[in-house]
Amino acid sequence: MKLIIQIPCFNEENTLAETIADLPKNIPGIDKIEVMVVDDGCTDGTVSVAKSLGVDHIVRLGTNRGLATAFWRGIEHAMDHGADILVNTDADNQYCGADIAKLVQPVIEDEADMVVGCRPIAKHPEFKFLKKMLQLFGSWTLRKISKTNVRDAASGFRAFSREMCQRIFIHSRFSYCMETLIQAGNSGCRVASVDIRVNPKTRESRLFKNIP
């Protein structure tokens, strides 16, 4: 069974090496692990860093298309290169790479089509009170809309089966997190979640500049 770990990147030269070093080299039930960097129009040394680290796949979009487009192009590339499971993680290393083993287990055991890694939102040391409340309320709302039990709807740390990758389609340029969850839940796909750990923050979010 082949796993491709994709990392969408926009100017991540300062954190990419740390993110890749944190990824697992071996996982029970997985025969081959490959790493893919999706270059979303980087203007810094991200691609040079990826090459120096021996990344297996580099997908270059040419211009900055946005996170959702980078995610979708990564899925297409992974499917073309024989991935049985796709894991998406962030280039700022916020998610604990070792927990990818937990993330893919329900897919390996054919118990889920999509698995979402849930952060400890209420106890997250770097989330302020208002952000915690908005995250919790937003996830509650998405559970109702998507008909799933995922506790962290905004988490981008996810595993997808090959079948799931072939079924989803991304319309937004902004983010894929909510859209894929709604599609999966409302189309009868098996959606699971696992608790994951987070690493110390390396930079501010680029997806959300501020709460408003």
N, C-alpha and C. Protein backbone atom coordinates (compact mmCIF):
# COMPACT_ATOMS: atom_id res chain seq x y z
N MET A 1 0.85 -1.19 0.00
CA MET A 1 0.00 0.00 0.00
C MET A 1 0.89 1.25 0.00
N LYS A 2 0.56 2.18 -0.87
CA LYS A 2 1.38 3.38 -1.05
C LYS A 2 0.71 4.60 -0.45
N LEU A 3 1.46 5.33 0.35
CA LEU A 3 1.00 6.58 0.97
C LEU A 3 1.79 7.74 0.38
N ILE A 4 1.07 8.76 -0.06
CA ILE A 4 1.71 10.02 -0.45
C ILE A 4 1.28 11.09 0.54
N ILE A 5 2.27 11.76 1.12
CA ILE A 5 2.01 12.86 2.05
C ILE A 5 2.22 14.16 1.28
N GLN A 6 1.15 14.93 1.15
CA GLN A 6 1.27 16.18 0.38
C GLN A 6 1.34 17.38 1.32
N ILE A 7 2.16 18.35 0.88
CA ILE A 7 2.37 19.57 1.65
C ILE A 7 2.18 20.76 0.72
N PRO A 8 1.01 21.41 0.73
CA PRO A 8 0.84 22.63 -0.06
C PRO A 8 1.73 23.74 0.51
N CYS A 9 2.42 24.46 -0.37
CA CYS A 9 3.39 25.45 0.09
C CYS A 9 3.24 26.78 -0.63
N PHE A 10 3.28 27.84 0.15
CA PHE A 10 3.43 29.19 -0.41
C PHE A 10 4.46 29.92 0.44
N ASN A 11 5.67 29.99 -0.07
CA ASN A 11 6.79 30.66 0.61
C ASN A 11 7.05 30.06 2.00
N GLU A 12 7.45 28.81 2.01
CA GLU A 12 7.65 28.07 3.26
C GLU A 12 9.11 27.64 3.45
N GLU A 13 10.07 28.37 2.89
CA GLU A 13 11.47 27.95 2.96
C GLU A 13 11.98 27.86 4.40
N ASN A 14 11.39 28.62 5.32
CA ASN A 14 11.88 28.64 6.70
C ASN A 14 11.37 27.48 7.55
N THR A 15 10.29 26.84 7.13
CA THR A 15 9.68 25.78 7.96
C THR A 15 9.59 24.43 7.26
N LEU A 16 9.85 24.39 5.96
CA LEU A 16 9.64 23.15 5.22
C LEU A 16 10.55 22.02 5.68
N ALA A 17 11.82 22.32 5.93
CA ALA A 17 12.76 21.28 6.36
C ALA A 17 12.32 20.66 7.68
N GLU A 18 11.87 21.48 8.61
CA GLU A 18 11.41 20.99 9.90
C GLU A 18 10.16 20.14 9.73
N THR A 19 9.26 20.56 8.85
CA THR A 19 8.03 19.81 8.60
C THR A 19 8.34 18.43 8.03
N ILE A 20 9.22 18.37 7.05
CA ILE A 20 9.55 17.10 6.42
C ILE A 20 10.31 16.19 7.39
N ALA A 21 11.20 16.76 8.19
CA ALA A 21 11.95 15.96 9.17
C ALA A 21 11.02 15.31 10.19
N ASP A 22 9.86 15.91 10.41
CA ASP A 22 8.90 15.42 11.41
C ASP A 22 8.02 14.29 10.88
N LEU A 23 8.08 14.04 9.58
CA LEU A 23 7.22 13.02 8.97
C LEU A 23 7.76 11.62 9.25
N PRO A 24 6.87 10.64 9.40
CA PRO A 24 7.32 9.26 9.66
C PRO A 24 7.97 8.64 8.43
N LYS A 25 8.94 7.78 8.66
CA LYS A 25 9.61 7.07 7.57
C LYS A 25 9.00 5.69 7.33
N ASN A 26 8.38 5.14 8.37
CA ASN A 26 7.76 3.82 8.28
C ASN A 26 6.46 3.82 9.06
N ILE A 27 5.45 3.15 8.51
CA ILE A 27 4.15 3.01 9.18
C ILE A 27 3.67 1.58 8.96
N PRO A 28 3.28 0.87 10.01
CA PRO A 28 2.74 -0.48 9.83
C PRO A 28 1.55 -0.49 8.87
N GLY A 29 1.58 -1.41 7.91
CA GLY A 29 0.51 -1.49 6.94
C GLY A 29 0.76 -0.70 5.67
N ILE A 30 1.80 0.13 5.69
CA ILE A 30 2.16 0.94 4.52
C ILE A 30 3.48 0.41 3.96
N ASP A 31 3.48 0.11 2.65
CA ASP A 31 4.69 -0.42 2.02
C ASP A 31 5.63 0.67 1.54
N LYS A 32 5.06 1.81 1.14
CA LYS A 32 5.89 2.87 0.58
C LYS A 32 5.32 4.23 0.97
N ILE A 33 6.20 5.12 1.43
CA ILE A 33 5.81 6.49 1.78
C ILE A 33 6.57 7.46 0.89
N GLU A 34 5.84 8.33 0.22
CA GLU A 34 6.45 9.36 -0.62
C GLU A 34 5.94 10.73 -0.18
N VAL A 35 6.78 11.75 -0.37
CA VAL A 35 6.44 13.11 0.05
C VAL A 35 6.28 13.98 -1.19
N MET A 36 5.22 14.77 -1.21
CA MET A 36 4.93 15.67 -2.33
C MET A 36 4.79 17.10 -1.83
N VAL A 37 5.51 18.01 -2.45
CA VAL A 37 5.37 19.43 -2.19
C VAL A 37 4.61 20.06 -3.35
N VAL A 38 3.56 20.80 -3.03
CA VAL A 38 2.80 21.52 -4.05
C VAL A 38 3.20 22.99 -3.96
N ASP A 39 3.91 23.45 -4.98
CA ASP A 39 4.41 24.82 -5.04
C ASP A 39 3.31 25.74 -5.56
N ASP A 40 2.67 26.46 -4.64
CA ASP A 40 1.57 27.35 -4.99
C ASP A 40 2.10 28.74 -5.35
N GLY A 41 2.98 28.79 -6.34
CA GLY A 41 3.52 30.07 -6.79
C GLY A 41 4.53 30.67 -5.83
N CYS A 42 5.35 29.85 -5.20
CA CYS A 42 6.35 30.36 -4.25
C CYS A 42 7.32 31.31 -4.93
N THR A 43 7.70 32.37 -4.21
CA THR A 43 8.67 33.33 -4.74
C THR A 43 9.95 33.33 -3.92
N ASP A 44 10.05 32.41 -2.97
CA ASP A 44 11.25 32.30 -2.15
C ASP A 44 11.99 31.01 -2.52
N GLY A 45 12.72 30.44 -1.58
CA GLY A 45 13.52 29.26 -1.86
C GLY A 45 12.85 27.95 -1.50
N THR A 46 11.53 27.93 -1.42
CA THR A 46 10.82 26.71 -1.03
C THR A 46 11.16 25.53 -1.93
N VAL A 47 11.13 25.73 -3.23
CA VAL A 47 11.39 24.63 -4.17
C VAL A 47 12.82 24.14 -4.05
N SER A 48 13.76 25.05 -3.87
CA SER A 48 15.17 24.66 -3.70
C SER A 48 15.34 23.82 -2.44
N VAL A 49 14.66 24.20 -1.36
CA VAL A 49 14.72 23.43 -0.12
C VAL A 49 14.14 22.04 -0.36
N ALA A 50 12.99 21.97 -1.04
CA ALA A 50 12.35 20.68 -1.32
C ALA A 50 13.28 19.77 -2.12
N LYS A 51 13.94 20.33 -3.12
CA LYS A 51 14.87 19.54 -3.94
C LYS A 51 16.05 19.05 -3.13
N SER A 52 16.57 19.93 -2.26
CA SER A 52 17.73 19.55 -1.45
C SER A 52 17.41 18.46 -0.45
N LEU A 53 16.13 18.36 -0.08
CA LEU A 53 15.69 17.35 0.87
C LEU A 53 15.29 16.04 0.19
N GLY A 54 15.37 16.02 -1.13
CA GLY A 54 15.04 14.79 -1.86
C GLY A 54 13.57 14.46 -1.89
N VAL A 55 12.71 15.48 -1.89
CA VAL A 55 11.27 15.25 -1.96
C VAL A 55 10.94 14.45 -3.22
N ASP A 56 10.03 13.50 -3.10
CA ASP A 56 9.71 12.60 -4.22
C ASP A 56 8.96 13.28 -5.35
N HIS A 57 8.08 14.22 -5.00
CA HIS A 57 7.26 14.88 -6.02
C HIS A 57 7.21 16.38 -5.74
N ILE A 58 7.39 17.18 -6.78
CA ILE A 58 7.19 18.63 -6.67
C ILE A 58 6.21 19.03 -7.77
N VAL A 59 5.05 19.51 -7.37
CA VAL A 59 4.02 19.95 -8.30
C VAL A 59 4.02 21.47 -8.31
N ARG A 60 4.29 22.07 -9.45
CA ARG A 60 4.43 23.53 -9.54
C ARG A 60 3.21 24.12 -10.26
N LEU A 61 2.53 25.05 -9.58
CA LEU A 61 1.34 25.66 -10.14
C LEU A 61 1.66 26.90 -10.98
N GLY A 62 2.86 27.44 -10.83
CA GLY A 62 3.27 28.59 -11.63
C GLY A 62 2.92 29.92 -11.02
N THR A 63 1.69 30.07 -10.55
CA THR A 63 1.25 31.28 -9.87
C THR A 63 0.53 30.89 -8.59
N ASN A 64 0.29 31.86 -7.74
CA ASN A 64 -0.41 31.61 -6.49
C ASN A 64 -1.90 31.42 -6.75
N ARG A 65 -2.38 30.19 -6.62
CA ARG A 65 -3.78 29.86 -6.93
C ARG A 65 -4.64 29.74 -5.68
N GLY A 66 -4.03 29.66 -4.50
CA GLY A 66 -4.80 29.49 -3.28
C GLY A 66 -4.73 28.06 -2.77
N LEU A 67 -4.99 27.90 -1.47
CA LEU A 67 -4.83 26.61 -0.80
C LEU A 67 -5.70 25.52 -1.41
N ALA A 68 -6.96 25.85 -1.71
CA ALA A 68 -7.87 24.82 -2.22
C ALA A 68 -7.40 24.28 -3.57
N THR A 69 -6.93 25.16 -4.43
CA THR A 69 -6.44 24.73 -5.74
C THR A 69 -5.18 23.89 -5.59
N ALA A 70 -4.28 24.31 -4.70
CA ALA A 70 -3.06 23.54 -4.46
C ALA A 70 -3.40 22.15 -3.94
N PHE A 71 -4.36 22.07 -3.04
CA PHE A 71 -4.79 20.78 -2.50
C PHE A 71 -5.34 19.89 -3.61
N TRP A 72 -6.18 20.44 -4.46
CA TRP A 72 -6.81 19.68 -5.52
C TRP A 72 -5.79 19.19 -6.55
N ARG A 73 -4.84 20.06 -6.91
CA ARG A 73 -3.81 19.64 -7.86
C ARG A 73 -2.94 18.54 -7.27
N GLY A 74 -2.72 18.61 -5.97
CA GLY A 74 -1.97 17.55 -5.31
C GLY A 74 -2.69 16.22 -5.36
N ILE A 75 -4.00 16.25 -5.16
CA ILE A 75 -4.80 15.02 -5.27
C ILE A 75 -4.67 14.42 -6.66
N GLU A 76 -4.80 15.25 -7.68
CA GLU A 76 -4.70 14.76 -9.06
C GLU A 76 -3.36 14.09 -9.30
N HIS A 77 -2.29 14.73 -8.82
CA HIS A 77 -0.94 14.18 -9.02
C HIS A 77 -0.79 12.86 -8.27
N ALA A 78 -1.28 12.83 -7.04
CA ALA A 78 -1.17 11.61 -6.23
C ALA A 78 -1.91 10.44 -6.87
N MET A 79 -3.08 10.71 -7.43
CA MET A 79 -3.84 9.65 -8.09
C MET A 79 -3.11 9.15 -9.33
N ASP A 80 -2.50 10.07 -10.07
CA ASP A 80 -1.76 9.69 -11.27
C ASP A 80 -0.51 8.86 -10.94
N HIS A 81 -0.02 8.98 -9.69
CA HIS A 81 1.20 8.29 -9.30
C HIS A 81 0.93 7.14 -8.31
N GLY A 82 -0.28 6.62 -8.37
CA GLY A 82 -0.58 5.37 -7.69
C GLY A 82 -0.76 5.40 -6.20
N ALA A 83 -1.14 6.53 -5.63
CA ALA A 83 -1.36 6.60 -4.18
C ALA A 83 -2.61 5.80 -3.79
N ASP A 84 -2.48 4.98 -2.77
CA ASP A 84 -3.63 4.29 -2.19
C ASP A 84 -4.24 5.13 -1.07
N ILE A 85 -3.38 5.92 -0.41
CA ILE A 85 -3.82 6.83 0.64
C ILE A 85 -3.10 8.15 0.45
N LEU A 86 -3.82 9.24 0.62
CA LEU A 86 -3.23 10.58 0.58
C LEU A 86 -3.40 11.22 1.94
N VAL A 87 -2.32 11.77 2.47
CA VAL A 87 -2.38 12.55 3.70
C VAL A 87 -2.00 13.99 3.37
N ASN A 88 -2.77 14.93 3.88
CA ASN A 88 -2.46 16.34 3.72
C ASN A 88 -2.01 16.91 5.06
N THR A 89 -0.88 17.62 5.04
CA THR A 89 -0.43 18.31 6.24
C THR A 89 0.03 19.70 5.86
N ASP A 90 0.20 20.57 6.85
CA ASP A 90 0.58 21.96 6.59
C ASP A 90 2.10 22.14 6.64
N ALA A 91 2.57 23.10 5.86
CA ALA A 91 4.01 23.32 5.74
C ALA A 91 4.61 24.06 6.94
N ASP A 92 3.76 24.58 7.83
CA ASP A 92 4.29 25.28 9.01
C ASP A 92 4.54 24.32 10.17
N ASN A 93 4.35 23.02 9.93
CA ASN A 93 4.63 21.97 10.93
C ASN A 93 3.78 22.10 12.19
N GLN A 94 2.57 22.60 12.04
CA GLN A 94 1.72 22.72 13.24
C GLN A 94 1.23 21.37 13.73
N TYR A 95 1.10 20.40 12.82
CA TYR A 95 0.62 19.08 13.20
C TYR A 95 1.79 18.15 13.48
N CYS A 96 1.65 17.29 14.47
CA CYS A 96 2.71 16.34 14.83
C CYS A 96 2.78 15.24 13.78
N GLY A 97 3.90 15.20 13.05
CA GLY A 97 4.04 14.26 11.95
C GLY A 97 3.90 12.81 12.36
N ALA A 98 4.34 12.48 13.57
CA ALA A 98 4.26 11.09 14.03
C ALA A 98 2.83 10.59 14.09
N ASP A 99 1.87 11.52 14.22
CA ASP A 99 0.47 11.12 14.33
C ASP A 99 -0.15 10.74 12.98
N ILE A 100 0.63 10.82 11.91
CA ILE A 100 0.14 10.34 10.62
C ILE A 100 -0.18 8.85 10.71
N ALA A 101 0.58 8.13 11.52
CA ALA A 101 0.30 6.70 11.71
C ALA A 101 -1.11 6.48 12.26
N LYS A 102 -1.54 7.32 13.21
CA LYS A 102 -2.90 7.24 13.74
C LYS A 102 -3.93 7.65 12.70
N LEU A 103 -3.55 8.64 11.90
CA LEU A 103 -4.46 9.21 10.92
C LEU A 103 -4.83 8.19 9.84
N VAL A 104 -3.85 7.42 9.39
CA VAL A 104 -4.10 6.50 8.27
C VAL A 104 -4.66 5.14 8.71
N GLN A 105 -4.59 4.84 9.99
CA GLN A 105 -4.98 3.50 10.45
C GLN A 105 -6.41 3.13 10.08
N PRO A 106 -7.40 4.02 10.29
CA PRO A 106 -8.77 3.64 9.90
C PRO A 106 -8.92 3.40 8.41
N VAL A 107 -8.10 4.06 7.58
CA VAL A 107 -8.16 3.83 6.14
C VAL A 107 -7.52 2.48 5.80
N ILE A 108 -6.37 2.21 6.43
CA ILE A 108 -5.70 0.92 6.22
C ILE A 108 -6.63 -0.24 6.57
N GLU A 109 -7.36 -0.09 7.66
CA GLU A 109 -8.25 -1.15 8.13
C GLU A 109 -9.62 -1.13 7.44
N ASP A 110 -9.77 -0.26 6.43
CA ASP A 110 -11.01 -0.14 5.66
C ASP A 110 -12.20 0.20 6.54
N GLU A 111 -11.96 1.07 7.51
CA GLU A 111 -13.02 1.52 8.40
C GLU A 111 -13.46 2.95 8.09
N ALA A 112 -12.70 3.66 7.25
CA ALA A 112 -13.04 5.05 6.93
C ALA A 112 -12.51 5.41 5.55
N ASP A 113 -13.19 6.36 4.91
CA ASP A 113 -12.76 6.90 3.63
C ASP A 113 -11.99 8.21 3.82
N MET A 114 -12.33 8.94 4.88
CA MET A 114 -11.65 10.18 5.23
C MET A 114 -11.46 10.20 6.74
N VAL A 115 -10.28 10.62 7.18
CA VAL A 115 -10.00 10.73 8.61
C VAL A 115 -9.46 12.12 8.88
N VAL A 116 -10.05 12.80 9.85
CA VAL A 116 -9.64 14.16 10.21
C VAL A 116 -8.90 14.12 11.54
N GLY A 117 -7.73 14.73 11.56
CA GLY A 117 -6.96 14.84 12.79
C GLY A 117 -7.46 16.01 13.62
N CYS A 118 -8.00 15.72 14.79
CA CYS A 118 -8.62 16.76 15.63
C CYS A 118 -7.64 17.30 16.66
N ARG A 119 -7.41 18.60 16.62
CA ARG A 119 -6.54 19.26 17.58
C ARG A 119 -7.24 19.41 18.92
N PRO A 120 -6.49 19.56 20.01
CA PRO A 120 -7.11 19.79 21.33
C PRO A 120 -7.53 21.26 21.46
N ILE A 121 -8.63 21.62 20.78
CA ILE A 121 -9.00 23.04 20.68
C ILE A 121 -9.19 23.69 22.04
N ALA A 122 -9.98 23.07 22.91
CA ALA A 122 -10.28 23.68 24.21
C ALA A 122 -9.04 23.84 25.08
N LYS A 123 -8.05 22.98 24.87
CA LYS A 123 -6.83 23.03 25.69
C LYS A 123 -5.62 23.52 24.89
N HIS A 124 -5.86 24.02 23.69
CA HIS A 124 -4.75 24.46 22.84
C HIS A 124 -4.07 25.67 23.49
N PRO A 125 -2.78 25.57 23.81
CA PRO A 125 -2.11 26.65 24.54
C PRO A 125 -1.94 27.94 23.75
N GLU A 126 -2.06 27.87 22.42
CA GLU A 126 -1.81 29.06 21.60
C GLU A 126 -3.08 29.66 21.02
N PHE A 127 -4.23 29.06 21.32
CA PHE A 127 -5.50 29.62 20.87
C PHE A 127 -6.05 30.53 21.97
N LYS A 128 -6.38 31.76 21.60
CA LYS A 128 -7.02 32.66 22.56
C LYS A 128 -8.47 32.25 22.75
N PHE A 129 -9.09 32.77 23.82
CA PHE A 129 -10.44 32.35 24.20
C PHE A 129 -11.43 32.52 23.06
N LEU A 130 -11.39 33.69 22.38
CA LEU A 130 -12.35 33.93 21.30
C LEU A 130 -12.15 32.94 20.16
N LYS A 131 -10.89 32.65 19.83
CA LYS A 131 -10.63 31.70 18.75
C LYS A 131 -11.12 30.31 19.12
N LYS A 132 -10.94 29.93 20.37
CA LYS A 132 -11.44 28.62 20.81
C LYS A 132 -12.95 28.55 20.66
N MET A 133 -13.64 29.61 21.09
CA MET A 133 -15.10 29.61 21.00
C MET A 133 -15.58 29.55 19.55
N LEU A 134 -14.91 30.31 18.68
CA LEU A 134 -15.30 30.30 17.27
C LEU A 134 -15.01 28.96 16.62
N GLN A 135 -13.87 28.36 16.98
CA GLN A 135 -13.53 27.04 16.44
C GLN A 135 -14.56 26.00 16.88
N LEU A 136 -14.90 26.02 18.15
CA LEU A 136 -15.86 25.04 18.67
C LEU A 136 -17.24 25.24 18.06
N PHE A 137 -17.67 26.50 17.95
CA PHE A 137 -18.98 26.78 17.36
C PHE A 137 -19.00 26.42 15.88
N GLY A 138 -17.91 26.76 15.18
CA GLY A 138 -17.83 26.45 13.76
C GLY A 138 -17.87 24.95 13.51
N SER A 139 -17.15 24.19 14.33
CA SER A 139 -17.14 22.73 14.17
C SER A 139 -18.51 22.14 14.49
N TRP A 140 -19.20 22.68 15.49
CA TRP A 140 -20.56 22.23 15.80
C TRP A 140 -21.49 22.46 14.61
N THR A 141 -21.37 23.65 14.00
CA THR A 141 -22.19 23.99 12.84
C THR A 141 -21.91 23.03 11.68
N LEU A 142 -20.62 22.76 11.43
CA LEU A 142 -20.27 21.87 10.33
C LEU A 142 -20.72 20.44 10.58
N ARG A 143 -20.75 20.02 11.85
CA ARG A 143 -21.26 18.68 12.15
C ARG A 143 -22.71 18.56 11.72
N LYS A 144 -23.48 19.62 11.93
CA LYS A 144 -24.89 19.60 11.54
C LYS A 144 -25.03 19.58 10.03
N ILE A 145 -24.24 20.41 9.34
CA ILE A 145 -24.35 20.51 7.89
C ILE A 145 -23.83 19.26 7.20
N SER A 146 -22.72 18.73 7.71
CA SER A 146 -22.07 17.60 7.04
C SER A 146 -22.57 16.24 7.51
N LYS A 147 -23.36 16.23 8.59
CA LYS A 147 -23.88 14.97 9.15
C LYS A 147 -22.74 14.04 9.57
N THR A 148 -21.70 14.64 10.16
CA THR A 148 -20.57 13.87 10.67
C THR A 148 -20.38 14.19 12.14
N ASN A 149 -19.41 13.52 12.76
CA ASN A 149 -19.12 13.76 14.18
C ASN A 149 -17.73 14.36 14.39
N VAL A 150 -17.18 15.00 13.36
CA VAL A 150 -15.83 15.55 13.44
C VAL A 150 -15.80 16.75 14.39
N ARG A 151 -14.86 16.71 15.34
CA ARG A 151 -14.80 17.75 16.36
C ARG A 151 -13.97 18.96 15.96
N ASP A 152 -13.19 18.84 14.88
CA ASP A 152 -12.32 19.94 14.46
C ASP A 152 -12.44 20.10 12.95
N ALA A 153 -13.50 20.78 12.53
CA ALA A 153 -13.82 20.87 11.10
C ALA A 153 -12.76 21.65 10.32
N ALA A 154 -12.03 22.53 10.98
CA ALA A 154 -11.06 23.37 10.28
C ALA A 154 -9.69 22.71 10.14
N SER A 155 -9.51 21.55 10.72
CA SER A 155 -8.21 20.89 10.66
C SER A 155 -7.88 20.46 9.23
N GLY A 156 -6.67 20.81 8.79
CA GLY A 156 -6.22 20.40 7.46
C GLY A 156 -5.40 19.14 7.48
N PHE A 157 -5.26 18.53 8.65
CA PHE A 157 -4.48 17.30 8.83
C PHE A 157 -5.42 16.13 8.58
N ARG A 158 -5.38 15.57 7.37
CA ARG A 158 -6.39 14.61 6.97
C ARG A 158 -5.80 13.47 6.14
N ALA A 159 -6.45 12.33 6.21
CA ALA A 159 -6.11 11.18 5.37
C ALA A 159 -7.31 10.85 4.50
N PHE A 160 -7.04 10.50 3.24
CA PHE A 160 -8.08 10.17 2.29
C PHE A 160 -7.75 8.84 1.61
N SER A 161 -8.75 8.00 1.48
CA SER A 161 -8.56 6.79 0.69
C SER A 161 -8.53 7.17 -0.79
N ARG A 162 -8.04 6.25 -1.60
CA ARG A 162 -8.01 6.52 -3.05
C ARG A 162 -9.43 6.75 -3.58
N GLU A 163 -10.37 5.95 -3.12
CA GLU A 163 -11.75 6.11 -3.57
C GLU A 163 -12.30 7.48 -3.20
N MET A 164 -11.97 7.94 -1.98
CA MET A 164 -12.44 9.26 -1.55
C MET A 164 -11.85 10.35 -2.43
N CYS A 165 -10.57 10.23 -2.75
CA CYS A 165 -9.91 11.23 -3.61
C CYS A 165 -10.57 11.30 -4.98
N GLN A 166 -11.04 10.17 -5.47
CA GLN A 166 -11.66 10.13 -6.78
C GLN A 166 -13.09 10.66 -6.78
N ARG A 167 -13.67 10.80 -5.59
CA ARG A 167 -15.07 11.22 -5.51
C ARG A 167 -15.23 12.71 -5.21
N ILE A 168 -14.27 13.31 -4.53
CA ILE A 168 -14.45 14.71 -4.13
C ILE A 168 -14.07 15.65 -5.27
N PHE A 169 -14.66 16.84 -5.23
CA PHE A 169 -14.33 17.88 -6.20
C PHE A 169 -14.34 19.21 -5.46
N ILE A 170 -13.32 20.02 -5.70
CA ILE A 170 -13.18 21.29 -4.98
C ILE A 170 -13.64 22.44 -5.86
N HIS A 171 -14.57 23.24 -5.37
CA HIS A 171 -15.06 24.41 -6.09
C HIS A 171 -14.38 25.69 -5.62
N SER A 172 -14.04 25.77 -4.33
CA SER A 172 -13.51 26.99 -3.73
C SER A 172 -12.03 27.17 -4.04
N ARG A 173 -11.54 28.42 -4.00
CA ARG A 173 -10.10 28.70 -4.06
C ARG A 173 -9.54 28.88 -2.66
N PHE A 174 -10.43 29.15 -1.69
CA PHE A 174 -9.99 29.55 -0.36
C PHE A 174 -9.46 28.39 0.45
N SER A 175 -10.30 27.43 0.76
CA SER A 175 -9.88 26.28 1.55
C SER A 175 -10.77 25.08 1.20
N TYR A 176 -10.21 23.90 1.37
CA TYR A 176 -10.91 22.67 1.04
C TYR A 176 -11.55 22.02 2.26
N CYS A 177 -11.23 22.49 3.47
CA CYS A 177 -11.58 21.76 4.69
C CYS A 177 -13.08 21.55 4.86
N MET A 178 -13.84 22.64 4.79
CA MET A 178 -15.28 22.52 5.01
C MET A 178 -15.97 21.82 3.84
N GLU A 179 -15.55 22.19 2.63
CA GLU A 179 -16.20 21.66 1.43
C GLU A 179 -16.07 20.14 1.34
N THR A 180 -14.86 19.62 1.58
CA THR A 180 -14.67 18.18 1.48
C THR A 180 -15.43 17.44 2.58
N LEU A 181 -15.52 18.05 3.76
CA LEU A 181 -16.23 17.43 4.86
C LEU A 181 -17.73 17.34 4.55
N ILE A 182 -18.28 18.41 4.01
CA ILE A 182 -19.70 18.43 3.66
C ILE A 182 -19.99 17.42 2.55
N GLN A 183 -19.12 17.40 1.53
CA GLN A 183 -19.31 16.44 0.44
C GLN A 183 -19.27 15.01 0.95
N ALA A 184 -18.26 14.71 1.76
CA ALA A 184 -18.10 13.34 2.25
C ALA A 184 -19.29 12.91 3.10
N GLY A 185 -19.67 13.75 4.05
CA GLY A 185 -20.75 13.38 4.96
C GLY A 185 -22.09 13.22 4.27
N ASN A 186 -22.35 14.08 3.30
CA ASN A 186 -23.66 14.05 2.64
C ASN A 186 -23.72 13.07 1.47
N SER A 187 -22.61 12.45 1.13
CA SER A 187 -22.62 11.45 0.07
C SER A 187 -22.49 10.03 0.62
N GLY A 188 -22.58 9.93 1.94
CA GLY A 188 -22.56 8.60 2.55
C GLY A 188 -21.18 8.02 2.76
N CYS A 189 -20.14 8.81 2.59
CA CYS A 189 -18.78 8.30 2.83
C CYS A 189 -18.54 8.14 4.32
N ARG A 190 -17.62 7.25 4.65
CA ARG A 190 -17.30 7.00 6.05
C ARG A 190 -16.25 8.00 6.52
N VAL A 191 -16.65 8.88 7.44
CA VAL A 191 -15.76 9.93 7.94
C VAL A 191 -15.45 9.65 9.40
N ALA A 192 -14.17 9.56 9.72
CA ALA A 192 -13.73 9.31 11.10
C ALA A 192 -12.83 10.45 11.56
N SER A 193 -12.55 10.48 12.84
CA SER A 193 -11.61 11.47 13.37
C SER A 193 -10.77 10.82 14.46
N VAL A 194 -9.56 11.33 14.61
CA VAL A 194 -8.66 10.86 15.66
C VAL A 194 -8.05 12.07 16.34
N ASP A 195 -7.73 11.94 17.60
CA ASP A 195 -7.07 13.02 18.32
C ASP A 195 -5.60 13.07 17.93
N ILE A 196 -5.12 14.26 17.64
CA ILE A 196 -3.71 14.42 17.26
C ILE A 196 -3.07 15.51 18.12
N ARG A 197 -1.75 15.52 18.10
CA ARG A 197 -0.99 16.51 18.84
C ARG A 197 -0.55 17.65 17.91
N VAL A 198 -0.20 18.76 18.50
CA VAL A 198 0.27 19.90 17.72
C VAL A 198 1.67 20.30 18.19
N ASN A 199 2.42 20.86 17.28
CA ASN A 199 3.75 21.38 17.59
C ASN A 199 3.68 22.87 17.91
N PRO A 200 4.69 23.43 18.55
CA PRO A 200 4.70 24.88 18.81
C PRO A 200 4.59 25.67 17.51
N LYS A 201 3.91 26.80 17.58
CA LYS A 201 3.67 27.63 16.40
C LYS A 201 4.98 28.18 15.85
N THR A 202 5.13 28.08 14.53
CA THR A 202 6.34 28.58 13.87
C THR A 202 6.12 29.92 13.17
N ARG A 203 4.87 30.22 12.86
CA ARG A 203 4.53 31.50 12.21
C ARG A 203 3.03 31.72 12.35
N GLU A 204 2.60 32.94 12.00
CA GLU A 204 1.18 33.25 12.03
C GLU A 204 0.48 32.61 10.83
N SER A 205 -0.82 32.38 10.97
CA SER A 205 -1.59 31.80 9.88
C SER A 205 -1.62 32.74 8.69
N ARG A 206 -1.50 32.16 7.49
CA ARG A 206 -1.63 32.95 6.27
C ARG A 206 -3.00 32.80 5.65
N LEU A 207 -3.75 31.80 6.08
CA LEU A 207 -5.08 31.59 5.54
C LEU A 207 -6.06 32.61 6.13
N PHE A 208 -5.94 32.82 7.45
CA PHE A 208 -6.77 33.78 8.15
C PHE A 208 -5.87 34.88 8.70
N LYS A 209 -5.97 36.10 8.13
CA LYS A 209 -5.14 37.21 8.61
C LYS A 209 -5.59 37.67 9.98
N ASN A 210 -6.90 37.65 10.22
CA ASN A 210 -7.44 38.03 11.52
C ASN A 210 -8.84 37.44 11.65
N ILE A 211 -9.39 37.47 12.83
CA ILE A 211 -10.69 36.84 13.08
C ILE A 211 -11.83 37.46 12.26
N PRO A 212 -11.95 38.79 12.18
CA PRO A 212 -13.04 39.33 11.32
C PRO A 212 -12.94 38.88 9.89
